[in-house]
N, C-alpha and C. Protein backbone atom coordinates (compact mmCIF):
# COMPACT_ATOMS: atom_id res chain seq x y z
N MET A 1 37.49 -135.88 50.15
CA MET A 1 37.12 -137.27 50.72
C MET A 1 35.80 -137.39 51.54
N ALA A 2 34.73 -138.12 51.24
CA ALA A 2 33.72 -138.22 52.04
C ALA A 2 33.52 -139.64 52.63
N THR A 3 33.20 -139.63 53.94
CA THR A 3 33.06 -140.91 54.37
C THR A 3 31.78 -141.15 55.17
N GLY A 4 31.32 -142.27 55.72
CA GLY A 4 30.23 -142.57 56.38
C GLY A 4 28.96 -142.08 55.81
N ASP A 5 28.57 -140.86 56.57
CA ASP A 5 27.31 -140.37 56.01
C ASP A 5 27.09 -139.49 54.97
N GLY A 6 28.20 -139.48 54.17
CA GLY A 6 28.12 -138.48 53.08
C GLY A 6 29.03 -137.42 53.02
N GLY A 7 29.70 -137.01 53.99
CA GLY A 7 30.85 -136.17 54.15
C GLY A 7 30.36 -134.76 53.36
N ARG A 8 31.15 -134.71 52.32
CA ARG A 8 31.02 -133.45 51.29
C ARG A 8 29.53 -133.35 51.00
N VAL A 9 28.99 -134.47 50.75
CA VAL A 9 27.69 -134.36 50.18
C VAL A 9 26.58 -133.76 51.11
N ARG A 10 26.88 -134.00 52.40
CA ARG A 10 26.13 -133.52 53.52
C ARG A 10 25.98 -132.06 53.53
N ASP A 11 27.07 -131.39 53.12
CA ASP A 11 27.31 -130.09 53.21
C ASP A 11 26.33 -129.26 51.93
N GLY A 12 25.51 -130.15 51.39
CA GLY A 12 24.75 -129.31 50.21
C GLY A 12 25.33 -129.66 49.10
N LYS A 13 26.37 -130.30 48.80
CA LYS A 13 27.02 -130.42 47.55
C LYS A 13 26.49 -131.45 46.69
N GLU A 14 25.99 -131.11 45.44
CA GLU A 14 25.50 -131.78 44.40
C GLU A 14 26.78 -132.73 43.78
N ILE A 15 26.44 -133.84 43.43
CA ILE A 15 27.47 -134.65 42.61
C ILE A 15 26.93 -134.52 41.09
N PRO A 16 27.63 -133.69 40.23
CA PRO A 16 27.25 -133.75 38.86
C PRO A 16 27.33 -135.08 38.19
N PRO A 17 26.49 -135.39 37.14
CA PRO A 17 26.63 -136.65 36.41
C PRO A 17 27.91 -136.26 35.45
N GLY A 18 28.55 -137.50 35.38
CA GLY A 18 29.77 -137.60 34.70
C GLY A 18 31.03 -137.54 35.61
N SER A 19 30.86 -137.37 36.96
CA SER A 19 31.73 -137.08 37.92
C SER A 19 32.36 -138.54 38.14
N ILE A 20 33.56 -138.81 38.49
CA ILE A 20 34.19 -140.38 38.89
C ILE A 20 34.36 -140.37 40.37
N VAL A 21 33.60 -141.59 40.80
CA VAL A 21 33.57 -141.64 42.32
C VAL A 21 34.19 -142.94 42.58
N SER A 22 34.47 -143.27 43.94
CA SER A 22 34.93 -144.37 44.40
C SER A 22 34.23 -144.37 45.67
N CYS A 23 33.62 -145.80 45.79
CA CYS A 23 33.22 -146.03 47.28
C CYS A 23 33.53 -147.47 47.81
N THR A 24 33.40 -147.75 48.91
CA THR A 24 33.39 -148.97 49.63
C THR A 24 32.16 -149.28 50.53
N THR A 25 31.69 -150.56 50.15
CA THR A 25 30.46 -150.64 50.98
C THR A 25 30.86 -151.35 52.43
N LYS A 26 29.70 -151.52 53.31
CA LYS A 26 29.98 -152.09 54.64
C LYS A 26 30.63 -153.32 54.67
N PHE A 27 30.53 -153.96 53.32
CA PHE A 27 30.95 -155.50 53.23
C PHE A 27 32.34 -155.46 52.60
N ASP A 28 33.02 -154.27 52.74
CA ASP A 28 34.34 -153.92 52.02
C ASP A 28 34.36 -154.32 50.42
N GLU A 29 33.37 -154.01 49.66
CA GLU A 29 33.45 -154.31 48.34
C GLU A 29 33.70 -152.91 47.92
N LYS A 30 34.56 -152.70 46.77
CA LYS A 30 35.01 -151.43 46.44
C LYS A 30 34.48 -151.34 44.88
N TYR A 31 33.90 -150.13 44.55
CA TYR A 31 33.35 -149.77 43.42
C TYR A 31 33.95 -148.37 42.88
N GLN A 32 34.27 -148.39 41.71
CA GLN A 32 34.58 -146.96 41.12
C GLN A 32 33.80 -146.84 39.77
N GLY A 33 33.36 -145.74 39.49
CA GLY A 33 32.63 -145.59 38.21
C GLY A 33 32.11 -144.16 38.08
N GLU A 34 31.45 -143.92 37.15
CA GLU A 34 30.89 -142.76 36.41
C GLU A 34 29.43 -142.34 37.14
N VAL A 35 29.24 -141.31 37.77
CA VAL A 35 27.89 -140.92 38.30
C VAL A 35 27.06 -140.61 36.96
N ILE A 36 25.75 -141.34 37.12
CA ILE A 36 24.88 -140.98 36.04
C ILE A 36 23.60 -140.37 36.66
N ALA A 37 23.41 -140.50 37.95
CA ALA A 37 22.29 -139.81 38.56
C ALA A 37 22.61 -139.68 40.05
N PHE A 38 22.23 -138.47 40.66
CA PHE A 38 22.40 -138.39 42.00
C PHE A 38 21.21 -137.64 42.70
N ASP A 39 20.57 -138.12 43.97
CA ASP A 39 19.49 -137.51 44.42
C ASP A 39 20.06 -136.86 45.79
N TYR A 40 20.08 -135.57 45.94
CA TYR A 40 20.56 -135.12 47.39
C TYR A 40 19.70 -135.30 48.57
N SER A 41 18.46 -135.48 48.29
CA SER A 41 17.43 -135.69 49.37
C SER A 41 17.66 -137.00 50.07
N THR A 42 17.65 -138.06 49.31
CA THR A 42 17.73 -139.21 49.73
C THR A 42 19.20 -139.87 49.89
N LYS A 43 20.37 -139.12 49.54
CA LYS A 43 21.57 -139.42 49.27
C LYS A 43 21.98 -140.76 48.42
N PHE A 44 21.04 -140.89 47.49
CA PHE A 44 21.29 -141.99 46.53
C PHE A 44 22.11 -141.55 45.42
N VAL A 45 23.01 -142.46 45.09
CA VAL A 45 23.83 -142.01 43.94
C VAL A 45 23.74 -143.36 42.99
N VAL A 46 23.80 -143.19 41.58
CA VAL A 46 23.79 -144.26 40.63
C VAL A 46 25.03 -144.08 39.82
N ILE A 47 25.69 -145.10 39.80
CA ILE A 47 27.10 -145.10 39.07
C ILE A 47 27.12 -146.30 37.90
N LYS A 48 27.65 -145.96 36.92
CA LYS A 48 27.98 -146.80 35.85
C LYS A 48 29.53 -147.38 36.10
N THR A 49 29.82 -148.84 36.05
CA THR A 49 30.94 -149.35 36.33
C THR A 49 31.24 -150.28 35.11
N ASP A 50 32.41 -150.79 35.05
CA ASP A 50 32.90 -151.77 33.95
C ASP A 50 32.17 -153.01 34.33
N ALA A 51 31.57 -153.63 33.38
CA ALA A 51 30.97 -154.95 33.50
C ALA A 51 31.63 -155.82 34.17
N THR A 52 31.35 -156.46 35.06
CA THR A 52 32.19 -157.53 35.92
C THR A 52 31.71 -158.91 35.49
N THR A 53 30.45 -158.98 34.79
CA THR A 53 29.96 -160.46 34.59
C THR A 53 30.28 -160.62 33.02
N GLU A 54 29.78 -161.85 32.62
CA GLU A 54 30.14 -162.13 31.32
C GLU A 54 29.24 -161.41 30.32
N THR A 55 29.06 -160.18 30.31
CA THR A 55 28.10 -159.56 29.50
C THR A 55 28.95 -159.13 28.15
N LYS A 56 28.33 -158.73 27.30
CA LYS A 56 28.97 -158.40 25.98
C LYS A 56 30.01 -157.07 26.29
N LYS A 57 31.07 -157.03 25.54
CA LYS A 57 31.96 -156.11 25.72
C LYS A 57 31.22 -154.75 25.29
N GLY A 58 31.64 -153.75 25.98
CA GLY A 58 31.02 -152.42 25.84
C GLY A 58 30.09 -152.11 26.75
N ASN A 59 29.52 -153.10 27.38
CA ASN A 59 28.19 -153.14 28.41
C ASN A 59 28.73 -152.69 29.61
N SER A 60 27.99 -152.14 30.54
CA SER A 60 28.29 -151.52 31.74
C SER A 60 27.25 -152.20 32.86
N ASP A 61 27.79 -152.14 34.05
CA ASP A 61 26.99 -152.56 35.15
C ASP A 61 26.68 -151.12 35.84
N VAL A 62 25.20 -151.16 36.39
CA VAL A 62 24.87 -149.87 36.90
C VAL A 62 24.54 -150.23 38.48
N LYS A 63 25.06 -149.58 39.39
CA LYS A 63 25.11 -149.69 40.78
C LYS A 63 24.16 -148.70 41.40
N ILE A 64 23.41 -148.83 42.34
CA ILE A 64 22.77 -147.88 43.21
C ILE A 64 23.28 -147.73 44.57
N PHE A 65 23.57 -146.77 45.22
CA PHE A 65 24.13 -146.68 46.64
C PHE A 65 23.48 -145.70 47.29
N ASN A 66 23.30 -145.79 48.73
CA ASN A 66 22.88 -145.00 49.49
C ASN A 66 24.06 -144.54 50.28
N ILE A 67 24.58 -143.33 49.97
CA ILE A 67 25.92 -142.79 50.44
C ILE A 67 26.04 -142.82 51.96
N SER A 68 24.86 -142.55 52.81
CA SER A 68 24.63 -142.53 54.27
C SER A 68 25.27 -144.22 54.81
N TYR A 69 24.99 -145.23 53.86
CA TYR A 69 25.48 -146.56 54.54
C TYR A 69 26.69 -147.05 53.70
N LEU A 70 27.47 -146.36 53.38
CA LEU A 70 28.88 -146.62 52.85
C LEU A 70 29.78 -146.42 53.70
N LYS A 71 31.00 -147.11 53.90
CA LYS A 71 32.08 -147.03 54.74
C LYS A 71 33.02 -145.85 54.35
N ASN A 72 32.94 -145.71 52.77
CA ASN A 72 33.78 -144.76 52.24
C ASN A 72 33.03 -144.26 51.06
N PHE A 73 33.35 -142.97 50.64
CA PHE A 73 32.81 -142.31 49.62
C PHE A 73 33.74 -141.31 49.21
N GLU A 74 34.35 -141.28 47.95
CA GLU A 74 35.16 -140.12 47.45
C GLU A 74 34.74 -139.72 46.21
N ILE A 75 34.83 -138.42 45.85
CA ILE A 75 34.64 -137.91 44.39
C ILE A 75 36.17 -137.73 44.07
N ILE A 76 36.36 -138.55 42.99
CA ILE A 76 37.76 -138.67 42.60
C ILE A 76 37.96 -137.59 41.40
N LYS A 77 36.92 -137.54 40.57
CA LYS A 77 37.15 -136.05 39.38
C LYS A 77 35.62 -135.68 39.33
N GLU A 78 35.71 -134.45 39.63
CA GLU A 78 33.98 -133.93 39.45
C GLU A 78 34.10 -133.43 38.26
N SER A 79 32.92 -133.68 37.56
CA SER A 79 32.57 -133.24 36.15
C SER A 79 32.28 -131.83 36.13
N THR A 80 32.82 -131.10 35.19
CA THR A 80 32.58 -129.77 34.86
C THR A 80 31.65 -129.28 33.81
N THR A 81 31.23 -130.54 33.08
CA THR A 81 30.38 -130.46 32.02
C THR A 81 29.04 -129.89 32.54
N LYS A 82 28.41 -129.03 31.85
CA LYS A 82 27.32 -128.46 32.10
C LYS A 82 26.04 -129.42 31.42
N THR A 83 26.40 -129.96 30.29
CA THR A 83 25.45 -130.70 29.57
C THR A 83 25.39 -132.36 30.11
N VAL A 84 24.32 -132.62 30.27
CA VAL A 84 24.06 -134.24 30.69
C VAL A 84 23.94 -135.13 29.54
N LYS A 85 24.68 -136.09 29.46
CA LYS A 85 24.46 -137.15 28.51
C LYS A 85 23.18 -137.86 28.65
N SER A 86 22.55 -138.05 27.71
CA SER A 86 21.33 -138.80 27.67
C SER A 86 21.66 -140.23 28.13
N LEU A 87 20.71 -140.84 28.88
CA LEU A 87 21.02 -142.29 29.11
C LEU A 87 20.43 -143.22 27.99
N SER A 88 21.25 -144.36 27.72
CA SER A 88 20.74 -145.30 26.89
C SER A 88 19.35 -145.83 27.30
N ALA A 89 18.67 -146.23 26.37
CA ALA A 89 17.29 -146.99 26.72
C ALA A 89 17.48 -148.12 27.25
N LEU A 90 16.70 -148.68 28.29
CA LEU A 90 16.73 -149.96 28.80
C LEU A 90 15.83 -151.00 28.05
N ASP A 91 16.22 -152.06 27.90
CA ASP A 91 15.48 -153.28 27.49
C ASP A 91 14.78 -153.86 28.31
N LEU A 92 13.66 -153.50 28.61
CA LEU A 92 12.76 -154.11 29.82
C LEU A 92 12.57 -155.35 29.63
N GLU A 93 12.21 -156.11 28.47
CA GLU A 93 12.08 -157.37 28.21
C GLU A 93 13.37 -158.16 28.55
N LYS A 94 14.58 -157.70 28.01
CA LYS A 94 15.77 -158.37 28.39
C LYS A 94 15.92 -158.58 29.88
N ILE A 95 15.61 -157.27 30.52
CA ILE A 95 15.74 -157.33 31.95
C ILE A 95 14.89 -158.32 32.57
N ASP A 96 13.58 -158.49 32.20
CA ASP A 96 12.68 -159.33 32.71
C ASP A 96 13.13 -160.61 32.55
N ARG A 97 13.61 -161.08 31.48
CA ARG A 97 14.11 -162.45 31.01
C ARG A 97 15.22 -162.84 32.00
N ARG A 98 16.27 -161.92 31.94
CA ARG A 98 17.19 -162.18 32.90
C ARG A 98 16.82 -162.30 34.37
N CYS A 99 15.99 -161.52 35.04
CA CYS A 99 15.43 -161.71 36.36
C CYS A 99 14.73 -162.95 36.41
N ARG A 100 13.93 -163.24 35.60
CA ARG A 100 13.25 -164.67 35.67
C ARG A 100 14.29 -165.92 35.42
N ALA A 101 15.10 -165.78 34.61
CA ALA A 101 16.42 -166.63 34.48
C ALA A 101 17.12 -166.85 35.77
N LYS A 102 17.45 -165.75 36.60
CA LYS A 102 18.10 -165.82 37.82
C LYS A 102 17.38 -166.44 38.79
N VAL A 103 15.87 -166.20 38.95
CA VAL A 103 15.05 -166.58 39.97
C VAL A 103 15.04 -168.11 39.74
N ASN A 104 14.90 -168.57 38.48
CA ASN A 104 14.86 -170.05 38.23
C ASN A 104 16.07 -170.57 38.56
N GLU A 105 17.09 -170.00 38.33
CA GLU A 105 18.45 -170.54 38.70
C GLU A 105 18.60 -170.71 40.17
N LYS A 106 18.20 -169.75 40.94
CA LYS A 106 18.23 -169.76 42.48
C LYS A 106 17.21 -170.97 43.14
N MET A 107 15.91 -171.01 42.37
CA MET A 107 15.09 -171.75 42.67
C MET A 107 15.64 -173.39 42.74
N GLN A 108 16.32 -173.57 41.53
CA GLN A 108 16.92 -174.90 41.12
C GLN A 108 18.02 -175.16 42.24
N ALA A 109 18.79 -174.15 42.67
CA ALA A 109 20.02 -174.41 43.51
C ALA A 109 19.22 -174.76 44.92
N VAL A 110 18.12 -174.26 45.33
CA VAL A 110 17.45 -174.49 46.45
C VAL A 110 17.01 -175.97 46.55
N ASN A 111 16.53 -176.38 45.33
CA ASN A 111 15.87 -177.79 45.35
C ASN A 111 17.06 -178.66 45.29
N ARG A 112 18.09 -178.35 44.91
CA ARG A 112 19.24 -179.32 45.02
C ARG A 112 19.73 -179.55 46.34
N VAL A 113 19.50 -178.94 47.31
CA VAL A 113 19.63 -179.21 48.69
C VAL A 113 18.71 -180.23 49.39
N GLY A 114 19.25 -181.30 49.84
CA GLY A 114 18.48 -182.26 50.51
C GLY A 114 18.13 -181.96 51.98
N VAL A 115 16.93 -182.22 52.37
CA VAL A 115 16.62 -181.86 53.82
C VAL A 115 16.97 -183.13 54.79
N ASP A 116 17.88 -182.98 55.80
CA ASP A 116 18.14 -184.05 56.62
C ASP A 116 19.03 -185.24 55.99
N VAL A 117 19.80 -184.92 54.89
CA VAL A 117 20.41 -185.73 54.52
C VAL A 117 21.80 -185.83 54.86
N THR A 118 22.57 -187.16 54.91
CA THR A 118 24.11 -187.00 55.22
C THR A 118 24.87 -186.16 54.19
N PRO A 119 26.19 -185.71 54.54
CA PRO A 119 27.08 -184.90 53.61
C PRO A 119 27.43 -185.79 52.44
N GLU A 120 27.48 -187.21 52.60
CA GLU A 120 27.90 -188.06 51.70
C GLU A 120 26.60 -188.25 50.64
N GLY A 121 25.44 -188.19 51.03
CA GLY A 121 24.38 -188.04 50.02
C GLY A 121 24.29 -186.72 49.27
N GLN A 122 24.62 -185.81 49.91
CA GLN A 122 24.49 -184.44 49.37
C GLN A 122 25.63 -184.29 48.40
N LYS A 123 26.90 -184.76 48.65
CA LYS A 123 28.12 -184.75 47.65
C LYS A 123 27.59 -185.65 46.34
N LEU A 124 26.98 -186.80 46.62
CA LEU A 124 26.63 -187.78 45.44
C LEU A 124 25.56 -186.89 44.59
N TYR A 125 24.73 -186.35 45.24
CA TYR A 125 23.61 -185.78 44.58
C TYR A 125 24.20 -184.57 43.72
N ASP A 126 25.12 -183.81 44.40
CA ASP A 126 25.81 -182.64 43.57
C ASP A 126 26.53 -183.22 42.35
N MET A 127 27.17 -184.32 42.49
CA MET A 127 27.88 -184.96 41.43
C MET A 127 26.96 -185.45 40.45
N LEU A 128 25.85 -186.03 40.69
CA LEU A 128 25.00 -186.44 39.80
C LEU A 128 24.39 -185.27 39.03
N ALA A 129 23.99 -184.30 39.63
CA ALA A 129 23.35 -183.17 39.05
C ALA A 129 24.17 -182.48 37.90
N LYS A 130 25.44 -182.76 37.85
CA LYS A 130 26.37 -182.23 36.76
C LYS A 130 26.03 -183.30 35.45
N GLN A 131 25.62 -184.45 35.74
CA GLN A 131 25.53 -185.18 34.53
C GLN A 131 23.80 -185.42 34.17
N PHE A 132 22.92 -185.23 35.04
CA PHE A 132 21.53 -185.34 34.80
C PHE A 132 20.69 -184.19 35.22
N SER A 133 19.89 -183.91 34.27
CA SER A 133 18.98 -182.74 34.39
C SER A 133 17.82 -183.29 35.33
N GLU A 134 17.35 -184.45 34.88
CA GLU A 134 16.21 -185.17 35.78
C GLU A 134 16.59 -185.86 36.92
N LEU A 135 16.74 -185.09 37.96
CA LEU A 135 17.35 -185.50 39.29
C LEU A 135 16.49 -184.71 40.31
N GLN A 136 16.01 -185.45 41.15
CA GLN A 136 15.39 -184.68 42.51
C GLN A 136 15.45 -185.56 43.81
N TRP A 137 15.22 -184.91 44.80
CA TRP A 137 15.25 -185.31 46.11
C TRP A 137 13.67 -185.98 46.38
N ASN A 138 13.65 -187.12 46.90
CA ASN A 138 12.28 -187.67 47.34
C ASN A 138 12.39 -188.05 48.74
N ASP A 139 12.06 -187.35 49.67
CA ASP A 139 12.40 -187.59 51.02
C ASP A 139 14.06 -187.50 51.07
N LYS A 140 14.54 -188.48 51.56
CA LYS A 140 15.96 -188.70 51.70
C LYS A 140 16.64 -189.56 50.58
N ASN A 141 15.75 -189.79 49.59
CA ASN A 141 16.07 -190.77 48.43
C ASN A 141 16.43 -189.93 47.20
N ILE A 142 17.37 -190.18 46.32
CA ILE A 142 17.90 -189.53 45.21
C ILE A 142 17.16 -190.24 43.99
N VAL A 143 16.42 -189.50 43.30
CA VAL A 143 15.59 -190.10 42.09
C VAL A 143 16.17 -189.53 40.95
N VAL A 144 16.85 -190.55 39.97
CA VAL A 144 17.31 -190.17 38.85
C VAL A 144 16.52 -190.51 37.56
N MET A 145 16.27 -189.63 36.72
CA MET A 145 15.31 -189.93 35.42
C MET A 145 14.24 -190.52 35.75
N ASN A 146 13.50 -190.27 36.98
CA ASN A 146 12.22 -190.86 37.55
C ASN A 146 12.17 -192.36 37.34
N SER A 147 13.46 -192.97 37.36
CA SER A 147 13.31 -194.47 37.25
C SER A 147 14.31 -195.09 38.19
N VAL A 148 15.43 -194.35 38.55
CA VAL A 148 16.68 -195.13 39.26
C VAL A 148 16.57 -194.28 40.84
N VAL A 149 16.50 -195.16 41.83
CA VAL A 149 16.40 -194.52 43.17
C VAL A 149 17.58 -194.99 44.02
N ILE A 150 18.35 -194.05 44.53
CA ILE A 150 19.34 -194.25 45.44
C ILE A 150 19.01 -194.03 46.76
N LYS A 151 18.84 -194.98 47.75
CA LYS A 151 18.51 -194.78 49.09
C LYS A 151 19.71 -194.66 49.98
N PRO A 152 19.39 -193.95 51.33
CA PRO A 152 20.62 -193.87 52.10
C PRO A 152 21.09 -195.43 52.56
N PRO A 153 22.33 -195.74 52.56
CA PRO A 153 23.56 -194.78 52.84
C PRO A 153 24.13 -194.32 51.40
N TYR A 154 23.34 -194.53 50.41
CA TYR A 154 23.72 -194.08 49.16
C TYR A 154 25.02 -194.77 48.45
N SER A 155 24.97 -196.15 48.87
CA SER A 155 26.03 -197.01 48.19
C SER A 155 25.42 -197.64 46.95
N THR A 156 26.31 -198.37 46.39
CA THR A 156 25.89 -199.33 45.01
C THR A 156 24.87 -200.31 45.66
N GLU A 157 24.75 -200.74 46.73
CA GLU A 157 23.89 -201.84 47.36
C GLU A 157 22.49 -201.35 47.54
N SER A 158 22.42 -199.72 47.59
CA SER A 158 21.27 -199.03 47.87
C SER A 158 20.48 -198.40 46.58
N ILE A 159 20.83 -198.99 45.53
CA ILE A 159 20.19 -198.55 44.21
C ILE A 159 19.21 -199.41 43.79
N TYR A 160 18.13 -199.03 43.29
CA TYR A 160 17.07 -199.75 42.69
C TYR A 160 16.42 -199.19 41.55
N THR A 161 15.78 -199.72 40.73
CA THR A 161 14.93 -199.35 39.73
C THR A 161 13.51 -199.41 39.68
N GLU A 162 12.84 -198.44 39.52
CA GLU A 162 11.43 -198.49 39.41
C GLU A 162 10.95 -198.86 38.19
N GLY A 163 11.57 -198.88 37.16
CA GLY A 163 11.17 -199.20 35.77
C GLY A 163 11.99 -200.39 35.26
N LYS A 164 11.98 -200.76 33.84
CA LYS A 164 12.49 -201.98 33.26
C LYS A 164 13.94 -201.38 32.51
N ASP A 165 14.38 -200.41 32.86
CA ASP A 165 15.38 -199.68 32.15
C ASP A 165 16.75 -200.18 32.92
N GLU A 166 17.07 -201.39 32.46
CA GLU A 166 18.23 -202.07 33.19
C GLU A 166 19.66 -201.08 32.70
N ASN A 167 19.73 -200.64 31.56
CA ASN A 167 20.88 -199.86 31.10
C ASN A 167 21.22 -198.69 32.05
N ALA A 168 20.09 -197.94 32.30
CA ALA A 168 20.09 -196.61 33.25
C ALA A 168 20.66 -197.13 34.60
N PHE A 169 19.95 -198.10 35.18
CA PHE A 169 20.32 -198.78 36.39
C PHE A 169 21.88 -198.94 36.48
N ASN A 170 22.34 -199.80 35.33
CA ASN A 170 23.81 -200.20 35.47
C ASN A 170 24.80 -198.93 35.41
N TYR A 171 24.27 -198.00 34.57
CA TYR A 171 25.01 -196.84 34.16
C TYR A 171 25.18 -195.92 35.59
N ILE A 172 23.96 -195.71 36.27
CA ILE A 172 24.12 -195.08 37.45
C ILE A 172 24.90 -195.72 38.40
N ARG A 173 24.56 -197.19 38.78
CA ARG A 173 25.26 -197.84 39.48
C ARG A 173 27.05 -197.58 39.31
N GLY A 174 27.34 -197.79 38.13
CA GLY A 174 28.71 -197.47 37.77
C GLY A 174 29.12 -196.28 38.33
N ILE A 175 28.23 -195.07 37.97
CA ILE A 175 28.53 -193.72 38.39
C ILE A 175 28.83 -193.64 39.96
N VAL A 176 27.86 -194.25 40.59
CA VAL A 176 27.82 -194.19 42.17
C VAL A 176 28.96 -194.95 42.65
N ASN A 177 29.49 -196.08 42.02
CA ASN A 177 30.57 -196.73 42.40
C ASN A 177 31.89 -196.16 41.99
N ARG A 178 32.20 -195.41 41.10
CA ARG A 178 33.27 -194.47 40.75
C ARG A 178 33.33 -193.53 41.79
N HIS A 179 32.15 -192.86 42.18
CA HIS A 179 32.15 -191.75 43.13
C HIS A 179 32.61 -192.33 44.37
N HIS A 180 32.25 -193.30 45.02
CA HIS A 180 32.67 -193.75 46.19
C HIS A 180 34.19 -194.33 46.10
N CYS A 181 34.64 -194.90 45.11
CA CYS A 181 36.01 -195.13 44.97
C CYS A 181 36.80 -194.09 45.17
N LYS A 182 36.41 -192.83 44.12
CA LYS A 182 37.36 -191.66 44.24
C LYS A 182 37.28 -191.09 45.55
N ASN A 183 36.18 -191.04 46.38
CA ASN A 183 36.13 -190.57 47.68
C ASN A 183 37.14 -191.24 48.58
N GLU A 184 37.16 -192.56 48.56
CA GLU A 184 38.00 -193.50 49.38
C GLU A 184 39.40 -193.19 49.07
N SER A 185 39.68 -192.97 47.71
CA SER A 185 41.19 -192.81 47.58
C SER A 185 41.83 -191.38 47.87
N GLU A 186 40.63 -190.33 47.97
CA GLU A 186 41.10 -189.14 48.53
C GLU A 186 41.30 -189.05 49.97
N SER A 187 40.50 -189.99 50.93
CA SER A 187 40.65 -189.99 52.16
C SER A 187 41.91 -190.45 52.68
C-alpha cells in the first residue's frame, strides 16, 4: 500500500499499464480503475474508471492524479503483461463540443443568480427558470419573455407588462400567485 507522497512509487517502482489501482483524494473521493499511463518523474498516473455520468454503455471516464497529493494510493493488482494495449482514439471535436456545452451551462447558472436580491426573489426566479427560457435579471427585477417584469417584493401586485401581451401577463401572474400560495402553505 502506498500513501501520501507515493509510497512504493517513490522507491523507483514503475506502475505498468493494465494494473488496477485504488486511490483516495484529499477530498475523500475514492476511485478505482485500470492504469493507462504513468510518469515516474512527475508522479502522475492516468486511470480508466467505469463511467459515472450518463455516458453511453461501454464508455469510461479517464482520471489524472498526482500521486503526491493523494491521501491514499494502492496498487491492487499489478499487471504482468509486457505488451501495452493501444489507446482508443480521442474524438477531439466531441470533446470540444462537450467543453463548450459545459462552459455555456455554467455561464447560464451564474446568470441565474441575482445580485443583492432577496431569497424570496431568487426562489421565484429559480421556479420561473424551469418554465421559461427567456428569463433574466434586470437589476433586481425579473424580466420574463422580454415583456413581463416582476419588481421587488416579487408579489402579484408588483408585476407589470411592457408590451400588450395580456395573456402572458395573466399567465405569469397566476404562476407567481401559485408560487406564493405554495410557500405560505409550506411555512
